[in-house]
Amino acid sequence: MTAESAPILRLDLSSPVPPYEQLREQLAGLISTGVLAGGTRLPPVRQLAADLGLAGGTIARAYRELEQAGLITGQGRRGTFVCAKTESGQEEQARYQALSTAADNLAATARQLGLTDDAALAALRTALAQHSV
């Protein structure tokens, strides 16, 4: 992730969702949609902690959970890298891309209607609950 092309990570410290989980979710989404491609080097824990104003342990926990999920791999002093996608990973990426497009549409609709983020998220959670398997 170079400074010019690095996706913006946003954390809401007032959210009940812990910062490590917010970071993990955002990075997992960026990896799943292909925004962060296989082989991309992630910032070192200390650098990302300083950039986001968080403790290093917070970043380390997010990275650890991403590694356990098989999305990233730590290579010691070389750094932490996004894992390459397999063919099934490419199919998954296509599904996440379609989901990302739908999420963009939801966000645009919410803004056009003047709704808050909380209202948009509540509508999404309700729809997900109605379609649960």
Protein backbone atom coordinates (compact mmCIF):
# COMPACT_ATOMS: atom_id res chain seq x y z
CA MET A 1 0.00 0.00 0.00
CA THR A 2 1.69 3.14 -1.15
CA ALA A 3 0.69 6.48 0.31
CA GLU A 4 -0.80 7.58 -3.02
CA SER A 5 -2.93 4.49 -3.57
CA ALA A 6 -3.66 3.47 0.01
CA PRO A 7 -7.35 3.01 0.73
CA ILE A 8 -8.69 5.23 3.46
CA LEU A 9 -9.41 3.39 6.69
CA ARG A 10 -11.94 5.06 8.96
CA LEU A 11 -12.48 4.16 12.57
CA ASP A 12 -15.33 5.40 14.74
CA LEU A 13 -13.96 5.46 18.27
CA SER A 14 -17.45 6.20 19.62
CA SER A 15 -18.80 2.97 18.09
CA PRO A 16 -19.53 -0.02 20.32
CA VAL A 17 -17.55 -2.09 17.77
CA PRO A 18 -13.95 -2.33 19.01
CA PRO A 19 -11.33 -0.56 16.84
CA TYR A 20 -9.50 -3.82 16.02
CA GLU A 21 -12.76 -5.28 14.68
CA GLN A 22 -13.52 -2.17 12.62
CA LEU A 23 -10.02 -2.39 11.13
CA ARG A 24 -10.30 -6.14 10.53
CA GLU A 25 -13.67 -5.73 8.80
CA GLN A 26 -12.43 -2.93 6.56
CA LEU A 27 -9.23 -4.72 5.56
CA ALA A 28 -11.10 -7.99 4.97
CA GLY A 29 -13.54 -6.14 2.73
CA LEU A 30 -10.73 -4.44 0.79
CA ILE A 31 -9.01 -7.80 0.31
CA SER A 32 -12.21 -9.65 -0.63
CA THR A 33 -13.20 -7.06 -3.23
CA GLY A 34 -9.72 -6.99 -4.73
CA VAL A 35 -8.96 -3.39 -3.78
CA LEU A 36 -5.99 -4.88 -1.92
CA ALA A 37 -4.63 -7.45 -4.37
CA GLY A 38 -2.65 -10.56 -3.53
CA GLY A 39 0.96 -9.68 -2.82
CA THR A 40 0.18 -6.18 -1.56
CA ARG A 41 2.38 -5.30 1.40
CA LEU A 42 0.46 -3.95 4.38
CA PRO A 43 1.95 -1.21 6.55
CA PRO A 44 3.97 -2.36 9.56
CA VAL A 45 2.00 -2.52 12.81
CA ARG A 46 3.82 0.47 14.33
CA GLN A 47 3.33 2.64 11.25
CA LEU A 48 -0.39 1.89 10.93
CA ALA A 49 -0.86 2.38 14.68
CA ALA A 50 0.78 5.81 14.45
CA ASP A 51 -1.22 6.72 11.32
CA LEU A 52 -4.53 5.78 12.95
CA GLY A 53 -3.68 6.96 16.47
CA LEU A 54 -4.17 3.50 17.93
CA ALA A 55 -2.13 1.18 20.11
CA GLY A 56 0.11 -1.29 18.33
CA GLY A 57 -1.69 -4.17 20.03
CA THR A 58 -4.94 -3.10 18.36
CA ILE A 59 -3.37 -3.32 14.91
CA ALA A 60 -1.57 -6.56 15.79
CA ARG A 61 -4.85 -8.17 16.85
CA ALA A 62 -6.58 -7.18 13.59
CA TYR A 63 -3.62 -8.52 11.58
CA ARG A 64 -3.58 -11.74 13.64
CA GLU A 65 -7.28 -12.38 12.98
CA LEU A 66 -6.83 -11.66 9.27
CA GLU A 67 -3.94 -14.10 9.19
CA GLN A 68 -6.01 -16.77 10.96
CA ALA A 69 -8.69 -16.25 8.30
CA GLY A 70 -6.10 -16.84 5.57
CA LEU A 71 -6.36 -13.34 4.13
CA ILE A 72 -2.87 -12.12 4.98
CA THR A 73 0.46 -13.69 5.83
CA GLY A 74 3.26 -12.41 8.00
CA GLN A 75 6.72 -12.96 6.59
CA GLY A 76 8.85 -11.80 9.50
CA ARG A 77 11.09 -8.86 8.68
CA ARG A 78 9.88 -8.80 5.08
CA GLY A 79 6.47 -7.63 6.27
CA THR A 80 2.83 -8.61 6.09
CA PHE A 81 1.27 -9.35 2.72
CA VAL A 82 -2.18 -9.98 1.28
CA CYS A 83 -2.48 -13.65 0.29
CA ALA A 84 -2.87 -14.46 -3.41
CA LYS A 85 -6.34 -15.51 -4.50
CA THR A 86 -7.10 -19.00 -5.71
CA GLU A 87 -9.68 -19.68 -8.41
CA SER A 88 -12.36 -20.09 -5.74
CA GLY A 89 -11.03 -16.86 -4.23
CA GLN A 90 -11.64 -15.13 -7.56
CA GLU A 91 -15.23 -16.35 -7.55
CA GLU A 92 -15.58 -15.05 -4.02
CA GLN A 93 -14.09 -11.73 -5.13
CA ALA A 94 -16.76 -11.45 -7.85
CA ARG A 95 -19.50 -12.04 -5.26
CA TYR A 96 -18.02 -9.42 -2.93
CA GLN A 97 -17.73 -6.98 -5.84
CA ALA A 98 -21.45 -7.43 -6.56
CA LEU A 99 -22.18 -6.91 -2.87
CA SER A 100 -19.96 -3.82 -2.83
CA THR A 101 -21.92 -2.37 -5.76
CA ALA A 102 -25.20 -3.00 -3.92
CA ALA A 103 -23.76 -1.35 -0.80
CA ASP A 104 -22.74 1.68 -2.86
CA ASN A 105 -26.30 1.91 -4.15
CA LEU A 106 -27.68 1.67 -0.61
CA ALA A 107 -25.33 4.41 0.56
CA ALA A 108 -26.26 6.68 -2.36
CA THR A 109 -29.98 6.14 -1.71
CA ALA A 110 -29.56 6.84 2.00
CA ARG A 111 -27.74 10.11 1.23
CA GLN A 112 -30.36 11.15 -1.34
CA LEU A 113 -33.08 10.56 1.25
CA GLY A 114 -31.13 12.47 3.89
CA LEU A 115 -30.92 9.47 6.21
CA THR A 116 -28.27 9.01 8.88
CA ASP A 117 -25.72 6.21 8.81
CA ASP A 118 -27.53 4.60 11.75
CA ALA A 119 -30.83 4.61 9.83
CA ALA A 120 -29.21 3.07 6.75
CA LEU A 121 -27.51 0.39 8.85
CA ALA A 122 -30.77 -0.36 10.66
CA ALA A 123 -32.54 -0.79 7.32
CA LEU A 124 -29.80 -3.14 6.14
CA ARG A 125 -29.89 -5.18 9.35
CA THR A 126 -33.67 -5.50 9.06
CA ALA A 127 -33.39 -6.67 5.46
CA LEU A 128 -30.67 -9.18 6.40
CA ALA A 129 -32.82 -10.51 9.24
CA GLN A 130 -35.76 -10.96 6.87
CA HIS A 131 -33.58 -12.91 4.45
CA SER A 132 -31.77 -15.05 7.00
CA VAL A 133 -31.43 -18.69 6.15
